[in-house]
Amino acid sequence: MASEAEYLEIQVVELVDAGRLVTGLDAVLPPGLDLIEAVPAAGPGSLTERIEASHWRVELPGVSREQLQAAVDRLLAVDECRSSA
C-alpha cells in the first residue's frame, strides 16, 4: 500500500507556531514518516466533516476486469459486509 498524503488533525492546548510544531513532531517520528506541513484549522467542525471529496486509485495486479466486476457486483448485492479476518 502506498500513499501520496495522509492528513491528521490534532488539538493543542495552546497556540503553537506551525513551523515549530512541524519541526518538533518530525523530530520524533520514525524514519521515512515525514511531516510536511501544519496549518491551523479553518472553519467549524472536524477535518473529516470538512472534507468534500477524495480520489482513490486501486490497482489489483493479476485480477481481470471481469473478476473485479463480479466481485463488485456481489458486494453491492448484499446489505451488510463483514471482514472475515
N, C-alpha and C. Protein backbone atom coordinates (compact mmCIF):
# COMPACT_ATOMS: atom_id res chain seq x y z
N MET A 1 0.84 -1.17 0.00
CA MET A 1 0.00 0.00 0.00
C MET A 1 0.89 1.23 0.00
N ALA A 2 0.52 2.20 -0.77
CA ALA A 2 1.28 3.44 -0.83
C ALA A 2 0.31 4.62 -0.76
N SER A 3 0.83 5.75 -0.36
CA SER A 3 0.01 6.95 -0.26
C SER A 3 0.86 8.16 -0.60
N GLU A 4 0.25 9.12 -1.22
CA GLU A 4 0.94 10.38 -1.51
C GLU A 4 0.79 11.36 -0.37
N ALA A 5 -0.27 11.24 0.40
CA ALA A 5 -0.51 12.18 1.51
C ALA A 5 -1.54 11.61 2.46
N GLU A 6 -1.31 11.83 3.71
CA GLU A 6 -2.28 11.49 4.75
C GLU A 6 -2.49 12.75 5.58
N TYR A 7 -3.67 12.90 6.12
CA TYR A 7 -3.99 14.08 6.91
C TYR A 7 -4.29 13.66 8.34
N LEU A 8 -3.87 14.47 9.26
CA LEU A 8 -4.06 14.20 10.67
C LEU A 8 -4.51 15.49 11.33
N GLU A 9 -5.52 15.38 12.15
CA GLU A 9 -5.99 16.55 12.89
C GLU A 9 -5.64 16.33 14.36
N ILE A 10 -4.95 17.30 14.93
CA ILE A 10 -4.61 17.23 16.35
C ILE A 10 -5.08 18.50 17.03
N GLN A 11 -5.33 18.39 18.30
CA GLN A 11 -5.72 19.56 19.08
C GLN A 11 -4.60 19.86 20.06
N VAL A 12 -4.23 21.11 20.13
CA VAL A 12 -3.20 21.55 21.08
C VAL A 12 -3.87 22.38 22.17
N VAL A 13 -3.24 22.43 23.32
CA VAL A 13 -3.85 23.15 24.45
C VAL A 13 -3.51 24.63 24.46
N GLU A 14 -2.54 25.02 23.64
CA GLU A 14 -2.22 26.44 23.49
C GLU A 14 -1.75 26.69 22.06
N LEU A 15 -1.87 27.92 21.62
CA LEU A 15 -1.48 28.29 20.27
C LEU A 15 0.00 27.99 20.06
N VAL A 16 0.34 27.30 18.98
CA VAL A 16 1.70 26.90 18.67
C VAL A 16 2.04 27.36 17.26
N ASP A 17 3.24 27.87 17.07
CA ASP A 17 3.70 28.23 15.73
C ASP A 17 3.73 26.97 14.87
N ALA A 18 3.12 27.03 13.69
CA ALA A 18 3.03 25.85 12.81
C ALA A 18 4.40 25.30 12.45
N GLY A 19 5.35 26.17 12.18
CA GLY A 19 6.70 25.72 11.83
C GLY A 19 7.37 24.98 12.97
N ARG A 20 7.21 25.48 14.19
CA ARG A 20 7.78 24.80 15.36
C ARG A 20 7.10 23.46 15.61
N LEU A 21 5.80 23.41 15.35
CA LEU A 21 5.07 22.16 15.51
C LEU A 21 5.59 21.10 14.55
N VAL A 22 5.76 21.48 13.29
CA VAL A 22 6.28 20.56 12.28
C VAL A 22 7.67 20.06 12.69
N THR A 23 8.55 20.97 13.07
CA THR A 23 9.91 20.60 13.46
C THR A 23 9.91 19.65 14.65
N GLY A 24 9.11 19.97 15.66
CA GLY A 24 9.06 19.15 16.87
C GLY A 24 8.50 17.76 16.61
N LEU A 25 7.40 17.69 15.89
CA LEU A 25 6.80 16.38 15.60
C LEU A 25 7.67 15.56 14.66
N ASP A 26 8.22 16.21 13.64
CA ASP A 26 9.05 15.49 12.66
C ASP A 26 10.29 14.89 13.34
N ALA A 27 10.79 15.53 14.37
CA ALA A 27 11.99 15.05 15.07
C ALA A 27 11.73 13.73 15.81
N VAL A 28 10.49 13.45 16.18
CA VAL A 28 10.20 12.24 16.95
C VAL A 28 9.48 11.16 16.14
N LEU A 29 9.18 11.45 14.89
CA LEU A 29 8.53 10.44 14.05
C LEU A 29 9.56 9.43 13.55
N PRO A 30 9.14 8.20 13.26
CA PRO A 30 10.07 7.20 12.74
C PRO A 30 10.65 7.62 11.39
N PRO A 31 11.85 7.15 11.05
CA PRO A 31 12.44 7.47 9.75
C PRO A 31 11.49 7.06 8.61
N GLY A 32 11.37 7.92 7.64
CA GLY A 32 10.50 7.66 6.50
C GLY A 32 9.09 8.17 6.67
N LEU A 33 8.72 8.55 7.87
CA LEU A 33 7.41 9.14 8.12
C LEU A 33 7.66 10.62 8.39
N ASP A 34 7.44 11.43 7.39
CA ASP A 34 7.81 12.84 7.45
C ASP A 34 6.59 13.74 7.48
N LEU A 35 6.60 14.67 8.41
CA LEU A 35 5.55 15.67 8.49
C LEU A 35 5.94 16.81 7.55
N ILE A 36 5.08 17.13 6.63
CA ILE A 36 5.39 18.12 5.60
C ILE A 36 4.90 19.51 5.97
N GLU A 37 3.69 19.59 6.52
CA GLU A 37 3.09 20.91 6.74
C GLU A 37 2.08 20.83 7.88
N ALA A 38 1.94 21.92 8.60
CA ALA A 38 0.89 22.07 9.60
C ALA A 38 0.18 23.39 9.33
N VAL A 39 -1.12 23.34 9.39
CA VAL A 39 -1.91 24.55 9.17
C VAL A 39 -2.99 24.63 10.24
N PRO A 40 -3.37 25.84 10.63
CA PRO A 40 -4.46 25.97 11.60
C PRO A 40 -5.78 25.48 10.99
N ALA A 41 -6.63 24.94 11.82
CA ALA A 41 -7.95 24.50 11.36
C ALA A 41 -8.72 25.70 10.83
N ALA A 42 -9.42 25.49 9.74
CA ALA A 42 -10.20 26.57 9.14
C ALA A 42 -11.67 26.17 9.14
N GLY A 43 -12.47 26.93 9.79
CA GLY A 43 -13.90 26.67 9.77
C GLY A 43 -14.35 25.76 10.89
N PRO A 44 -15.66 25.64 11.04
CA PRO A 44 -16.22 24.82 12.11
C PRO A 44 -16.16 23.34 11.77
N GLY A 45 -16.25 22.50 12.77
CA GLY A 45 -16.29 21.06 12.56
C GLY A 45 -14.90 20.46 12.46
N SER A 46 -14.88 19.13 12.48
CA SER A 46 -13.61 18.42 12.38
C SER A 46 -13.15 18.34 10.94
N LEU A 47 -11.91 17.91 10.76
CA LEU A 47 -11.35 17.77 9.42
C LEU A 47 -12.20 16.82 8.58
N THR A 48 -12.60 15.69 9.15
CA THR A 48 -13.40 14.74 8.38
C THR A 48 -14.76 15.31 7.99
N GLU A 49 -15.29 16.21 8.80
CA GLU A 49 -16.56 16.84 8.46
C GLU A 49 -16.40 17.87 7.34
N ARG A 50 -15.20 18.41 7.19
CA ARG A 50 -14.97 19.45 6.19
C ARG A 50 -14.49 18.91 4.85
N ILE A 51 -14.00 17.69 4.79
CA ILE A 51 -13.53 17.12 3.52
C ILE A 51 -14.72 16.88 2.62
N GLU A 52 -14.65 17.37 1.41
CA GLU A 52 -15.75 17.24 0.47
C GLU A 52 -15.57 16.07 -0.48
N ALA A 53 -14.34 15.67 -0.74
CA ALA A 53 -14.11 14.58 -1.69
C ALA A 53 -12.70 14.05 -1.54
N SER A 54 -12.51 12.83 -1.98
CA SER A 54 -11.17 12.27 -2.07
C SER A 54 -11.13 11.38 -3.32
N HIS A 55 -9.95 11.16 -3.82
CA HIS A 55 -9.77 10.38 -5.04
C HIS A 55 -8.88 9.19 -4.72
N TRP A 56 -9.33 8.01 -5.05
CA TRP A 56 -8.57 6.79 -4.79
C TRP A 56 -8.26 6.08 -6.10
N ARG A 57 -7.12 5.47 -6.15
CA ARG A 57 -6.75 4.63 -7.29
C ARG A 57 -6.34 3.28 -6.71
N VAL A 58 -7.05 2.23 -7.11
CA VAL A 58 -6.78 0.89 -6.60
C VAL A 58 -6.29 0.03 -7.76
N GLU A 59 -5.14 -0.58 -7.58
CA GLU A 59 -4.59 -1.48 -8.58
C GLU A 59 -4.59 -2.89 -8.01
N LEU A 60 -5.07 -3.84 -8.77
CA LEU A 60 -5.12 -5.24 -8.34
C LEU A 60 -4.41 -6.10 -9.38
N PRO A 61 -3.10 -6.19 -9.30
CA PRO A 61 -2.36 -7.00 -10.27
C PRO A 61 -2.84 -8.45 -10.28
N GLY A 62 -3.03 -8.99 -11.45
CA GLY A 62 -3.45 -10.38 -11.58
C GLY A 62 -4.96 -10.59 -11.52
N VAL A 63 -5.72 -9.52 -11.33
CA VAL A 63 -7.18 -9.63 -11.28
C VAL A 63 -7.73 -9.03 -12.57
N SER A 64 -8.48 -9.85 -13.31
CA SER A 64 -9.03 -9.35 -14.58
C SER A 64 -10.20 -8.41 -14.32
N ARG A 65 -10.53 -7.64 -15.32
CA ARG A 65 -11.67 -6.72 -15.22
C ARG A 65 -12.95 -7.51 -14.92
N GLU A 66 -13.10 -8.67 -15.54
CA GLU A 66 -14.29 -9.49 -15.34
C GLU A 66 -14.37 -10.00 -13.89
N GLN A 67 -13.23 -10.46 -13.35
CA GLN A 67 -13.21 -10.91 -11.96
C GLN A 67 -13.55 -9.77 -11.01
N LEU A 68 -12.99 -8.63 -11.27
CA LEU A 68 -13.26 -7.47 -10.42
C LEU A 68 -14.72 -7.07 -10.49
N GLN A 69 -15.29 -7.04 -11.71
CA GLN A 69 -16.70 -6.66 -11.86
C GLN A 69 -17.60 -7.64 -11.12
N ALA A 70 -17.29 -8.93 -11.20
CA ALA A 70 -18.10 -9.93 -10.50
C ALA A 70 -18.02 -9.72 -8.98
N ALA A 71 -16.84 -9.41 -8.47
CA ALA A 71 -16.67 -9.18 -7.03
C ALA A 71 -17.43 -7.93 -6.59
N VAL A 72 -17.34 -6.87 -7.38
CA VAL A 72 -18.06 -5.63 -7.06
C VAL A 72 -19.57 -5.88 -7.08
N ASP A 73 -20.03 -6.61 -8.07
CA ASP A 73 -21.46 -6.91 -8.16
C ASP A 73 -21.94 -7.69 -6.94
N ARG A 74 -21.15 -8.67 -6.48
CA ARG A 74 -21.51 -9.44 -5.29
C ARG A 74 -21.55 -8.54 -4.06
N LEU A 75 -20.56 -7.65 -3.94
CA LEU A 75 -20.51 -6.74 -2.80
C LEU A 75 -21.72 -5.81 -2.79
N LEU A 76 -22.05 -5.25 -3.91
CA LEU A 76 -23.18 -4.31 -3.98
C LEU A 76 -24.53 -4.99 -3.77
N ALA A 77 -24.57 -6.30 -3.91
CA ALA A 77 -25.84 -7.04 -3.78
C ALA A 77 -26.18 -7.36 -2.33
N VAL A 78 -25.25 -7.18 -1.40
CA VAL A 78 -25.52 -7.52 0.00
C VAL A 78 -25.86 -6.29 0.82
N ASP A 79 -26.61 -6.50 1.89
CA ASP A 79 -26.97 -5.39 2.78
C ASP A 79 -25.87 -5.06 3.77
N GLU A 80 -25.05 -6.05 4.07
CA GLU A 80 -24.02 -5.87 5.09
C GLU A 80 -22.78 -6.65 4.70
N CYS A 81 -21.63 -6.09 4.98
CA CYS A 81 -20.37 -6.75 4.65
C CYS A 81 -19.49 -6.76 5.89
N ARG A 82 -18.99 -7.94 6.27
CA ARG A 82 -18.13 -8.07 7.44
C ARG A 82 -16.82 -8.70 7.03
N SER A 83 -15.77 -8.28 7.66
CA SER A 83 -14.46 -8.85 7.41
C SER A 83 -14.38 -10.23 8.04
N SER A 84 -13.74 -11.15 7.36
CA SER A 84 -13.57 -12.50 7.92
C SER A 84 -12.29 -12.58 8.74
N ALA A 85 -11.50 -11.51 8.74
CA ALA A 85 -10.22 -11.51 9.47
C ALA A 85 -10.42 -11.16 10.92
